Amino acid sequence: MIGPIDSWSLLLIAVGLMLVLEGLLPFVSPERWRSVFERAAKLSDGQLRFLGLTSLVVGCGILLFMLG
């Protein structure tokens, strides 16, 4: 079992997990990842901002749920 984890260790674990999850699609299906990336590049600034805001709100909600 893992002992107590300080804030910096937890942050590094979260970043590592994020990198693993973001690396799955290009590893498993590079052509699909390229297609998704090309479609994302064609989105307007407003659409990208909305996706970013949605991601921030959902992420904050998950953090509040897990830490609160």
N, C-alpha and C. Protein backbone atom coordinates (compact mmCIF):
# COMPACT_ATOMS: atom_id res chain seq x y z
N MET A 1 0.83 -1.18 0.00
CA MET A 1 0.00 0.00 0.00
C MET A 1 0.87 1.24 0.00
N ILE A 2 0.41 2.27 -0.67
CA ILE A 2 1.15 3.52 -0.77
C ILE A 2 0.89 4.36 0.47
N GLY A 3 1.94 4.97 0.99
CA GLY A 3 1.81 5.84 2.16
C GLY A 3 1.19 7.17 1.77
N PRO A 4 1.23 8.13 2.69
CA PRO A 4 0.66 9.45 2.41
C PRO A 4 1.35 10.09 1.21
N ILE A 5 0.56 10.79 0.42
CA ILE A 5 1.09 11.42 -0.79
C ILE A 5 0.99 12.93 -0.62
N ASP A 6 2.12 13.65 -0.82
CA ASP A 6 2.06 15.10 -0.71
C ASP A 6 1.50 15.70 -2.00
N SER A 7 1.24 16.99 -1.98
CA SER A 7 0.57 17.67 -3.09
C SER A 7 1.36 17.58 -4.39
N TRP A 8 2.68 17.75 -4.33
CA TRP A 8 3.50 17.71 -5.54
C TRP A 8 3.50 16.31 -6.16
N SER A 9 3.56 15.30 -5.31
CA SER A 9 3.52 13.93 -5.83
C SER A 9 2.18 13.65 -6.50
N LEU A 10 1.10 14.11 -5.88
CA LEU A 10 -0.22 13.93 -6.45
C LEU A 10 -0.35 14.66 -7.79
N LEU A 11 0.22 15.87 -7.87
CA LEU A 11 0.20 16.62 -9.12
C LEU A 11 0.96 15.86 -10.21
N LEU A 12 2.12 15.33 -9.88
CA LEU A 12 2.90 14.57 -10.86
C LEU A 12 2.18 13.29 -11.29
N ILE A 13 1.50 12.65 -10.38
CA ILE A 13 0.72 11.46 -10.71
C ILE A 13 -0.40 11.84 -11.68
N ALA A 14 -1.08 12.96 -11.41
CA ALA A 14 -2.17 13.41 -12.28
C ALA A 14 -1.65 13.76 -13.67
N VAL A 15 -0.52 14.44 -13.75
CA VAL A 15 0.06 14.78 -15.06
C VAL A 15 0.46 13.52 -15.80
N GLY A 16 1.06 12.58 -15.10
CA GLY A 16 1.43 11.31 -15.73
C GLY A 16 0.23 10.56 -16.27
N LEU A 17 -0.85 10.51 -15.49
CA LEU A 17 -2.07 9.85 -15.93
C LEU A 17 -2.65 10.56 -17.15
N MET A 18 -2.64 11.90 -17.14
CA MET A 18 -3.14 12.66 -18.27
C MET A 18 -2.34 12.32 -19.54
N LEU A 19 -1.02 12.25 -19.42
CA LEU A 19 -0.19 11.93 -20.58
C LEU A 19 -0.44 10.52 -21.10
N VAL A 20 -0.64 9.58 -20.19
CA VAL A 20 -0.96 8.21 -20.61
C VAL A 20 -2.28 8.19 -21.38
N LEU A 21 -3.31 8.84 -20.83
CA LEU A 21 -4.61 8.85 -21.48
C LEU A 21 -4.57 9.57 -22.83
N GLU A 22 -3.85 10.69 -22.90
CA GLU A 22 -3.76 11.41 -24.16
C GLU A 22 -2.92 10.67 -25.21
N GLY A 23 -2.05 9.80 -24.77
CA GLY A 23 -1.22 9.04 -25.69
C GLY A 23 -1.88 7.79 -26.24
N LEU A 24 -3.00 7.39 -25.66
CA LEU A 24 -3.65 6.15 -26.09
C LEU A 24 -4.14 6.22 -27.54
N LEU A 25 -4.89 7.27 -27.90
CA LEU A 25 -5.47 7.33 -29.24
C LEU A 25 -4.41 7.39 -30.33
N PRO A 26 -3.38 8.26 -30.22
CA PRO A 26 -2.37 8.25 -31.29
C PRO A 26 -1.60 6.93 -31.37
N PHE A 27 -1.46 6.23 -30.25
CA PHE A 27 -0.76 4.95 -30.27
C PHE A 27 -1.62 3.87 -30.91
N VAL A 28 -2.88 3.80 -30.51
CA VAL A 28 -3.77 2.74 -30.97
C VAL A 28 -4.25 2.99 -32.39
N SER A 29 -4.56 4.24 -32.72
CA SER A 29 -5.14 4.54 -34.03
C SER A 29 -4.64 5.90 -34.53
N PRO A 30 -3.42 5.94 -35.08
CA PRO A 30 -2.86 7.23 -35.50
C PRO A 30 -3.69 7.92 -36.59
N GLU A 31 -4.29 7.15 -37.49
CA GLU A 31 -5.09 7.78 -38.55
C GLU A 31 -6.34 8.44 -37.97
N ARG A 32 -6.96 7.82 -36.98
CA ARG A 32 -8.14 8.41 -36.33
C ARG A 32 -7.74 9.66 -35.55
N TRP A 33 -6.60 9.61 -34.86
CA TRP A 33 -6.12 10.76 -34.10
C TRP A 33 -5.86 11.93 -35.05
N ARG A 34 -5.24 11.65 -36.18
CA ARG A 34 -4.96 12.70 -37.16
C ARG A 34 -6.26 13.34 -37.65
N SER A 35 -7.26 12.51 -37.90
CA SER A 35 -8.56 13.01 -38.35
C SER A 35 -9.20 13.91 -37.29
N VAL A 36 -9.18 13.48 -36.05
CA VAL A 36 -9.74 14.28 -34.96
C VAL A 36 -8.97 15.60 -34.83
N PHE A 37 -7.66 15.54 -34.93
CA PHE A 37 -6.83 16.74 -34.80
C PHE A 37 -7.10 17.72 -35.94
N GLU A 38 -7.26 17.20 -37.16
CA GLU A 38 -7.56 18.07 -38.31
C GLU A 38 -8.92 18.75 -38.14
N ARG A 39 -9.91 18.02 -37.64
CA ARG A 39 -11.23 18.61 -37.41
C ARG A 39 -11.16 19.66 -36.30
N ALA A 40 -10.39 19.41 -35.27
CA ALA A 40 -10.25 20.38 -34.17
C ALA A 40 -9.57 21.65 -34.67
N ALA A 41 -8.62 21.52 -35.59
CA ALA A 41 -7.91 22.68 -36.12
C ALA A 41 -8.83 23.58 -36.94
N LYS A 42 -9.93 23.03 -37.43
CA LYS A 42 -10.86 23.80 -38.25
C LYS A 42 -11.93 24.51 -37.42
N LEU A 43 -11.99 24.25 -36.12
CA LEU A 43 -12.99 24.89 -35.27
C LEU A 43 -12.67 26.37 -35.10
N SER A 44 -13.70 27.16 -34.90
CA SER A 44 -13.50 28.59 -34.68
C SER A 44 -12.94 28.81 -33.27
N ASP A 45 -12.45 30.02 -33.02
CA ASP A 45 -11.93 30.35 -31.69
C ASP A 45 -13.01 30.19 -30.62
N GLY A 46 -14.22 30.62 -30.94
CA GLY A 46 -15.32 30.50 -29.98
C GLY A 46 -15.63 29.06 -29.64
N GLN A 47 -15.61 28.19 -30.64
CA GLN A 47 -15.88 26.76 -30.39
C GLN A 47 -14.78 26.15 -29.53
N LEU A 48 -13.53 26.50 -29.83
CA LEU A 48 -12.41 25.98 -29.03
C LEU A 48 -12.49 26.48 -27.59
N ARG A 49 -12.85 27.76 -27.43
CA ARG A 49 -12.99 28.30 -26.08
C ARG A 49 -14.11 27.59 -25.32
N PHE A 50 -15.21 27.31 -25.99
CA PHE A 50 -16.31 26.59 -25.35
C PHE A 50 -15.87 25.20 -24.91
N LEU A 51 -15.14 24.49 -25.78
CA LEU A 51 -14.63 23.16 -25.41
C LEU A 51 -13.67 23.26 -24.23
N GLY A 52 -12.80 24.29 -24.24
CA GLY A 52 -11.88 24.48 -23.13
C GLY A 52 -12.61 24.79 -21.83
N LEU A 53 -13.61 25.66 -21.91
CA LEU A 53 -14.40 25.99 -20.72
C LEU A 53 -15.13 24.77 -20.19
N THR A 54 -15.72 23.99 -21.09
CA THR A 54 -16.43 22.78 -20.68
C THR A 54 -15.48 21.82 -19.98
N SER A 55 -14.29 21.66 -20.54
CA SER A 55 -13.30 20.79 -19.93
C SER A 55 -12.90 21.29 -18.55
N LEU A 56 -12.70 22.60 -18.42
CA LEU A 56 -12.35 23.17 -17.11
C LEU A 56 -13.45 22.95 -16.08
N VAL A 57 -14.69 23.19 -16.46
CA VAL A 57 -15.81 23.04 -15.53
C VAL A 57 -15.97 21.58 -15.10
N VAL A 58 -15.90 20.67 -16.06
CA VAL A 58 -16.02 19.24 -15.71
C VAL A 58 -14.86 18.81 -14.83
N GLY A 59 -13.65 19.22 -15.18
CA GLY A 59 -12.47 18.87 -14.37
C GLY A 59 -12.57 19.41 -12.96
N CYS A 60 -12.98 20.67 -12.81
CA CYS A 60 -13.16 21.25 -11.49
C CYS A 60 -14.26 20.52 -10.71
N GLY A 61 -15.33 20.16 -11.40
CA GLY A 61 -16.40 19.41 -10.74
C GLY A 61 -15.92 18.08 -10.22
N ILE A 62 -15.13 17.38 -11.02
CA ILE A 62 -14.58 16.09 -10.57
C ILE A 62 -13.66 16.28 -9.37
N LEU A 63 -12.80 17.32 -9.43
CA LEU A 63 -11.91 17.59 -8.31
C LEU A 63 -12.69 17.92 -7.04
N LEU A 64 -13.70 18.77 -7.16
CA LEU A 64 -14.50 19.13 -5.99
C LEU A 64 -15.21 17.90 -5.42
N PHE A 65 -15.72 17.06 -6.30
CA PHE A 65 -16.39 15.85 -5.84
C PHE A 65 -15.43 14.91 -5.13
N MET A 66 -14.24 14.73 -5.69
CA MET A 66 -13.29 13.79 -5.12
C MET A 66 -12.62 14.33 -3.86
N LEU A 67 -12.38 15.64 -3.80
CA LEU A 67 -11.67 16.21 -2.66
C LEU A 67 -12.60 16.77 -1.59
N GLY A 68 -13.87 16.96 -1.95
CA GLY A 68 -14.79 17.59 -1.00
C GLY A 68 -15.51 16.59 -0.24
